[in-house]
Protein backbone atom coordinates (compact mmCIF):
# COMPACT_ATOMS: atom_id res chain seq x y z
CA UNK A 1 91.99 116.92 91.28
CA UNK A 2 95.00 117.08 93.50
CA UNK A 3 97.83 114.74 94.42
CA UNK A 4 97.98 113.72 98.07
CA UNK A 5 101.13 112.82 99.97
CA UNK A 6 102.19 109.16 100.04
CA UNK A 7 104.90 107.51 102.13
CA UNK A 8 106.34 105.34 99.33
CA UNK A 9 107.89 106.78 96.20
CA UNK A 10 105.89 105.63 93.19
CA UNK A 11 102.25 105.25 94.23
CA UNK A 12 100.06 108.30 93.69
CA UNK A 13 96.89 109.05 95.64
CA UNK A 14 94.48 111.46 93.99
CA UNK A 15 91.72 113.44 95.61
CA UNK A 16 88.86 114.19 93.25
CA UNK A 17 86.16 116.80 93.58
CA UNK A 18 82.74 115.29 94.26
CA UNK A 19 79.99 117.69 93.23
CA UNK A 20 76.93 116.79 95.30
CA UNK A 21 73.38 118.05 95.28
CA UNK A 22 69.87 116.68 95.79
CA UNK A 23 70.22 114.60 92.59
CA UNK A 24 73.31 112.74 93.80
CA UNK A 25 76.87 113.52 92.75
CA UNK A 26 79.17 114.01 89.78
CA UNK A 27 82.90 113.28 89.77
CA UNK A 28 85.49 113.46 87.03
CA UNK A 29 87.60 110.31 87.35
CA UNK A 30 90.01 110.72 84.45
CA UNK A 31 91.43 113.59 82.42
CA UNK A 32 94.62 112.80 80.53
CA UNK A 33 96.10 116.33 80.81
CA UNK A 34 95.47 116.55 84.57
CA UNK A 35 96.87 113.09 85.18
CA UNK A 36 100.03 114.01 83.25
CA UNK A 37 100.42 117.05 85.52
CA UNK A 38 100.03 114.73 88.55
CA UNK A 39 102.78 112.43 87.27
CA UNK A 40 100.74 109.74 85.50
CA UNK A 41 101.61 109.63 81.80
CA UNK A 42 100.52 106.12 80.80
CA UNK A 43 97.68 105.51 78.43
CA UNK A 44 95.25 103.01 79.92
CA UNK A 45 94.15 100.30 77.49
CA UNK A 46 91.91 98.03 79.57
CA UNK A 47 89.24 98.79 82.18
CA UNK A 48 88.03 96.17 84.69
CA UNK A 49 85.51 95.95 87.52
CA UNK A 50 85.06 93.50 90.36
CA UNK A 51 82.23 93.25 92.88
CA UNK A 52 82.87 91.49 96.17
CA UNK A 53 81.35 91.19 99.65
CA UNK A 54 82.95 92.30 102.93
CA UNK A 55 86.24 90.61 103.75
CA UNK A 56 87.15 89.49 100.25
CA UNK A 57 90.85 90.11 99.72
CA UNK A 58 92.24 90.18 96.19
CA UNK A 59 95.99 90.19 95.68
CA UNK A 60 98.76 90.89 96.06
CA UNK A 61 99.15 90.75 92.27
CA UNK A 62 101.61 92.05 89.70
CA UNK A 63 102.51 91.31 86.10
CA UNK A 64 106.04 90.40 84.96
CA UNK A 65 107.51 91.14 81.54
CA UNK A 66 107.11 94.83 80.77
CA UNK A 67 104.79 95.14 83.79
CA UNK A 68 101.45 96.86 84.16
CA UNK A 69 100.47 99.96 86.10
CA UNK A 70 96.95 100.37 87.47
CA UNK A 71 94.64 103.24 88.23
CA UNK A 72 92.03 102.15 90.79
CA UNK A 73 88.94 103.52 92.49
CA UNK A 74 86.00 102.19 94.44
CA UNK A 75 82.73 103.23 92.79
CA UNK A 76 80.47 101.58 95.39
CA UNK A 77 81.23 100.82 99.02
CA UNK A 78 84.78 101.00 100.39
CA UNK A 79 88.03 99.08 100.10
CA UNK A 80 91.47 99.23 101.62
CA UNK A 81 93.82 99.40 98.62
CA UNK A 82 97.34 98.04 99.29
CA UNK A 83 100.60 98.39 97.35
CA UNK A 84 103.90 96.62 98.09
CA UNK A 85 107.23 97.82 96.68
CA UNK A 86 108.71 94.93 94.65
CA UNK A 87 111.54 96.92 93.05
CA UNK A 88 114.76 95.11 93.94
CA UNK A 89 117.32 97.68 95.03
CA UNK A 90 114.66 100.15 96.15
CA UNK A 91 115.25 101.54 99.65
CA UNK A 92 111.63 100.62 100.43
CA UNK A 93 111.70 97.10 98.89
CA UNK A 94 109.12 94.90 100.63
CA UNK A 95 107.38 97.85 102.33
CA UNK A 96 103.69 98.51 101.87
CA UNK A 97 101.26 101.40 101.91
CA UNK A 98 97.47 101.38 102.02
CA UNK A 99 94.74 103.84 101.11
CA UNK A 100 91.02 103.75 101.75
CA UNK A 101 89.14 104.20 98.50
CA UNK A 102 85.39 104.67 98.68
CA UNK A 103 82.39 106.05 96.91
CA UNK A 104 82.29 108.67 99.68
CA UNK A 105 85.86 110.00 99.35
CA UNK A 106 86.09 109.54 95.55
CA UNK A 107 89.86 108.98 95.73
CA UNK A 108 91.87 107.22 93.06
CA UNK A 109 95.10 105.28 93.57
CA UNK A 110 97.82 104.83 90.98
CA UNK A 111 99.92 101.68 91.35
CA UNK A 112 103.06 101.89 89.19
CA UNK A 113 104.97 99.05 87.59
CA UNK A 114 107.14 97.36 90.21
CA UNK A 115 104.51 97.20 92.94
CA UNK A 116 102.28 94.35 94.08
CA UNK A 117 98.65 95.41 94.35
CA UNK A 118 95.60 94.18 96.23
CA UNK A 119 92.56 95.27 98.16
CA UNK A 120 90.08 94.09 100.77
CA UNK A 121 86.40 95.02 100.90
CA UNK A 122 85.44 97.01 104.01
CA UNK A 123 81.68 97.40 103.42
CA UNK A 124 78.87 94.90 102.87
CA UNK A 125 79.71 94.97 99.16
CA UNK A 126 82.03 97.01 96.96
CA UNK A 127 82.60 97.67 93.28
CA UNK A 128 86.30 98.07 92.52
CA UNK A 129 87.11 99.65 89.16
CA UNK A 130 90.60 99.76 87.71
CA UNK A 131 92.38 100.57 84.48
CA UNK A 132 95.53 98.86 83.16
CA UNK A 133 98.39 100.37 81.17
CA UNK A 134 98.75 97.13 79.20
CA UNK A 135 96.46 94.22 78.47
CA UNK A 136 96.05 91.57 81.14
CA UNK A 137 98.01 88.42 80.33
CA UNK A 138 97.38 85.45 82.61
CA UNK A 139 100.74 83.96 81.60
CA UNK A 140 102.50 87.01 83.07
CA UNK A 141 100.34 87.37 86.19
CA UNK A 142 102.11 86.68 89.48
CA UNK A 143 101.42 87.26 93.13
CA UNK A 144 102.81 87.18 96.61
CA UNK A 145 100.98 86.10 99.74
CA UNK A 146 98.65 88.79 101.04
CA UNK A 147 99.47 87.58 104.57
CA UNK A 148 103.25 87.30 104.11
CA UNK A 149 104.61 87.97 107.63
CA UNK A 150 107.84 89.41 106.19
CA UNK A 151 105.84 92.13 104.41
CA UNK A 152 103.44 92.53 107.34
CA UNK A 153 100.46 94.25 105.71
CA UNK A 154 98.10 95.29 108.50
CA UNK A 155 94.81 94.16 107.07
CA UNK A 156 91.66 95.30 108.90
CA UNK A 157 90.21 93.10 111.61
CA UNK A 158 87.84 91.19 109.33
CA UNK A 159 87.43 87.57 108.41
CA UNK A 160 89.47 87.63 105.20
CA UNK A 161 88.25 85.58 102.25
CA UNK A 162 90.84 84.79 99.57
CA UNK A 163 90.78 82.74 96.40
CA UNK A 164 92.73 79.48 96.45
CA UNK A 165 95.37 81.08 94.24
CA UNK A 166 95.79 84.07 96.56
CA UNK A 167 95.71 81.91 99.69
CA UNK A 168 98.58 79.76 98.38
CA UNK A 169 100.69 82.52 96.75
CA UNK A 170 104.40 82.41 97.60
CA UNK A 171 106.12 84.68 100.10
CA UNK A 172 108.12 87.60 98.78
CA UNK A 173 111.43 86.09 99.91
CA UNK A 174 110.71 83.00 97.76
CA UNK A 175 110.27 84.99 94.52
CA UNK A 176 112.36 88.12 95.02
CA UNK A 177 115.30 86.85 92.91
CA UNK A 178 112.93 86.35 89.96
CA UNK A 179 111.40 89.83 90.08
CA UNK A 180 112.10 91.81 86.89
CA UNK A 181 111.82 95.22 88.52
């Protein structure tokens, strides 16, 4: 595994080694010692998976309180994984960065505490797998609008399908004073 360059300070993009042969492939997706060397020291306590069709956008979510970091990958299909800096006082506050995660490239993305996180499915269907550094708590879950024009995420040219909650999430400017980061 190796750490790839990112524009924002905080997110980490990891390139794995996919070992392929006529039987398929093998990939190591987590090794605590290697992740510590790459700058990820959290212990992950919950693992989740979602399956969605093309165009489904999930996010941009974050958890208040102590916060939660995520380690994400796409085990089937492809997604565009997006992170938005929500750390008040950060020189990149409100800026975003995106990474394509797919079964083909085997990449993993680490989203630290203080970032909003979301993804959109690029293929007919995708399985998105992610680990959390703390347990999910719906009372602490928050979000900002995935289509907030002030943030300006450049989503792919797809018909985007969002949940009612995500479609009505507030803009960053309306919640920024309440952010704990």
